[in-house]
Amino acid sequence: MAARLGESFQGLACEIFQHPIYWTSGLVYGPAVFRYGPESQSPMPPVRKPLPVDHSILNEMLAIRLQQLEIENGGMEAFLPKTGLARGTYYTIVRGIGNPTLRTMERIASSLNMSVLELLGFEAADARRALKKSGVDYDELVSAIGKKNRADRGLARQTRSRKLPS
């Protein structure tokens, strides 16, 4: 139950300047600047409520799979450099609390010479079956993606090699 701090709370009178501040579970939240007693002139910033950690099936699948790959590759110290991730990023992902982007998962997978599906523990047959339901041929899709990536890399090389006008 929230008690409004504009009133006396636990014997302390607070002066609210802008918006109400509420006290719940030992945390103060709200946008107001307040002070204890009339003699104190220094404003105290409000304390934010901590955000809950979002867990998802995808995050947990990635965490479990990275732990399996870590064991297969001789432990964390040997495996971490292969992932291409910073130590802190790796730890948050392995604990299932990180929220890696698809690009990060692609980077991990390519540095381990596997696809994102394999990184998550799926096999190509699973992807073939899922794409077939949508009327897409897996092999054609893989070929088209490969051609697109090669063309993008070639374009990037050409752009980098062009000299700037003097």
Protein backbone atom coordinates (compact mmCIF):
# COMPACT_ATOMS: atom_id res chain seq x y z
CA MET A 1 0.00 0.00 0.00
CA ALA A 2 1.46 3.35 -0.98
CA ALA A 3 1.57 6.27 1.45
CA ARG A 4 1.83 9.78 0.09
CA LEU A 5 5.00 11.52 1.27
CA GLY A 6 3.38 14.97 1.37
CA GLU A 7 2.05 13.87 4.71
CA SER A 8 4.23 12.94 7.66
CA PHE A 9 5.73 9.49 7.01
CA GLN A 10 7.65 7.71 9.76
CA GLY A 11 8.04 11.02 11.59
CA LEU A 12 9.66 12.82 8.63
CA ALA A 13 7.87 15.68 6.95
CA CYS A 14 8.67 16.03 3.26
CA GLU A 15 8.07 19.05 1.11
CA ILE A 16 6.92 18.13 -2.38
CA PHE A 17 7.78 20.68 -5.07
CA GLN A 18 6.40 19.30 -8.34
CA HIS A 19 4.65 15.93 -8.33
CA PRO A 20 3.66 13.43 -5.66
CA ILE A 21 6.17 10.79 -4.62
CA TYR A 22 5.01 7.44 -3.33
CA TRP A 23 6.70 4.98 -1.02
CA THR A 24 6.22 1.26 -1.63
CA SER A 25 8.32 -1.71 -0.56
CA GLY A 26 11.10 0.55 0.63
CA LEU A 27 11.52 2.28 -2.77
CA VAL A 28 10.66 5.89 -3.51
CA TYR A 29 9.55 6.67 -7.03
CA GLY A 30 8.15 9.63 -8.89
CA PRO A 31 9.47 12.70 -10.73
CA ALA A 32 9.34 15.14 -7.79
CA VAL A 33 12.23 16.88 -6.09
CA PHE A 34 11.81 16.79 -2.34
CA ARG A 35 13.68 17.61 0.83
CA TYR A 36 13.51 16.61 4.44
CA GLY A 37 12.55 19.51 6.71
CA PRO A 38 12.61 23.21 5.89
CA GLU A 39 16.33 23.71 6.71
CA SER A 40 17.63 21.35 3.99
CA GLN A 41 17.92 23.07 0.59
CA SER A 42 19.68 20.34 -1.42
CA PRO A 43 17.26 18.44 -3.70
CA MET A 44 17.39 14.65 -3.64
CA PRO A 45 16.80 12.83 -6.92
CA PRO A 46 14.00 10.25 -6.90
CA VAL A 47 14.96 6.62 -6.66
CA ARG A 48 13.78 4.50 -9.59
CA LYS A 49 12.02 1.22 -9.19
CA PRO A 50 14.26 -1.58 -10.52
CA LEU A 51 13.06 -3.11 -13.78
CA PRO A 52 12.27 -6.82 -13.76
CA VAL A 53 14.51 -9.07 -15.82
CA ASP A 54 12.69 -10.35 -18.88
CA HIS A 55 13.26 -14.03 -19.55
CA SER A 56 12.28 -15.62 -22.83
CA ILE A 57 12.46 -19.04 -24.38
CA LEU A 58 14.90 -17.77 -27.00
CA ASN A 59 17.25 -16.29 -24.37
CA GLU A 60 17.17 -19.53 -22.38
CA MET A 61 17.74 -21.67 -25.49
CA LEU A 62 20.76 -19.57 -26.42
CA ALA A 63 22.12 -19.71 -22.85
CA ILE A 64 21.77 -23.49 -22.67
CA ARG A 65 23.34 -23.98 -26.09
CA LEU A 66 26.30 -21.71 -25.30
CA GLN A 67 26.88 -23.65 -22.07
CA GLN A 68 26.87 -26.91 -24.06
CA LEU A 69 29.30 -25.50 -26.63
CA GLU A 70 31.49 -24.16 -23.84
CA ILE A 71 31.81 -27.65 -22.35
CA GLU A 72 32.48 -29.20 -25.77
CA ASN A 73 35.22 -26.63 -26.47
CA GLY A 74 37.24 -27.08 -23.29
CA GLY A 75 35.71 -24.59 -20.89
CA MET A 76 34.87 -20.92 -20.80
CA GLU A 77 38.42 -19.57 -21.12
CA ALA A 78 38.98 -21.53 -24.35
CA PHE A 79 35.48 -20.90 -25.72
CA LEU A 80 35.01 -17.17 -25.02
CA PRO A 81 37.55 -15.92 -27.60
CA LYS A 82 35.87 -18.07 -30.26
CA THR A 83 32.54 -16.29 -29.74
CA GLY A 84 33.90 -12.84 -30.50
CA LEU A 85 32.01 -11.36 -27.54
CA ALA A 86 33.19 -9.25 -24.65
CA ARG A 87 33.31 -11.13 -21.35
CA GLY A 88 30.46 -9.11 -19.78
CA THR A 89 28.19 -9.59 -22.80
CA TYR A 90 28.91 -13.30 -22.81
CA TYR A 91 28.09 -13.61 -19.10
CA THR A 92 24.73 -11.86 -19.45
CA ILE A 93 23.78 -14.06 -22.40
CA VAL A 94 24.88 -17.29 -20.68
CA ARG A 95 22.88 -16.36 -17.57
CA GLY A 96 19.81 -15.90 -19.78
CA ILE A 97 19.36 -12.25 -18.84
CA GLY A 98 21.01 -10.70 -21.87
CA ASN A 99 18.89 -9.66 -24.80
CA PRO A 100 21.18 -10.19 -27.80
CA THR A 101 20.17 -8.81 -31.13
CA LEU A 102 19.83 -11.08 -34.13
CA ARG A 103 23.01 -9.49 -35.47
CA THR A 104 24.86 -10.51 -32.28
CA MET A 105 23.58 -14.08 -32.63
CA GLU A 106 24.66 -14.10 -36.28
CA ARG A 107 28.12 -12.86 -35.28
CA ILE A 108 28.46 -15.59 -32.63
CA ALA A 109 27.27 -18.26 -35.07
CA SER A 110 29.59 -17.16 -37.88
CA SER A 111 32.59 -17.02 -35.55
CA LEU A 112 31.77 -20.62 -34.53
CA ASN A 113 31.26 -21.64 -38.21
CA MET A 114 27.59 -22.51 -37.81
CA SER A 115 24.21 -21.04 -38.62
CA VAL A 116 22.02 -19.24 -36.08
CA LEU A 117 19.68 -22.24 -36.19
CA GLU A 118 22.55 -24.56 -35.25
CA LEU A 119 23.62 -22.13 -32.55
CA LEU A 120 20.14 -22.40 -31.04
CA GLY A 121 20.24 -26.20 -31.25
CA PHE A 122 18.13 -26.68 -34.37
CA GLU A 123 19.14 -28.64 -37.42
CA ALA A 124 18.79 -27.72 -41.07
CA ALA A 125 15.99 -30.30 -41.37
CA ASP A 126 13.94 -28.30 -38.85
CA ALA A 127 14.39 -25.13 -40.92
CA ARG A 128 13.60 -26.97 -44.15
CA ARG A 129 10.37 -28.31 -42.66
CA ALA A 130 9.31 -24.88 -41.32
CA LEU A 131 10.08 -23.08 -44.59
CA LYS A 132 8.38 -25.77 -46.65
CA LYS A 133 5.12 -25.03 -44.79
CA SER A 134 5.44 -21.45 -46.06
CA GLY A 135 6.24 -22.58 -49.60
CA VAL A 136 9.92 -21.52 -49.47
CA ASP A 137 12.75 -23.77 -50.60
CA TYR A 138 15.55 -23.79 -47.99
CA ASP A 139 18.41 -24.39 -50.45
CA GLU A 140 17.26 -21.59 -52.76
CA LEU A 141 16.99 -19.23 -49.80
CA VAL A 142 20.49 -20.10 -48.55
CA SER A 143 21.87 -19.60 -52.08
CA ALA A 144 20.13 -16.23 -52.50
CA ILE A 145 21.37 -15.03 -49.10
CA GLY A 146 24.93 -16.07 -50.00
CA LYS A 147 24.76 -14.16 -53.30
CA LYS A 148 23.36 -11.08 -51.56
CA ASN A 149 26.08 -11.15 -48.91
CA ARG A 150 28.82 -11.50 -51.54
CA ALA A 151 27.35 -8.59 -53.51
CA ASP A 152 27.13 -6.43 -50.36
CA ARG A 153 30.76 -7.19 -49.46
CA GLY A 154 31.87 -6.37 -53.01
CA LEU A 155 29.98 -3.07 -52.93
CA ALA A 156 31.51 -2.22 -49.55
CA ARG A 157 35.02 -2.94 -50.92
CA GLN A 158 34.38 -0.72 -53.94
CA THR A 159 33.09 2.08 -51.74
CA ARG A 160 36.13 1.88 -49.45
CA SER A 161 38.58 1.79 -52.37
CA ARG A 162 37.23 4.95 -54.03
CA LYS A 163 39.39 7.97 -53.48
CA LEU A 164 37.81 11.11 -52.14
CA PRO A 165 37.95 14.13 -54.47
CA SER A 166 40.74 16.56 -53.57
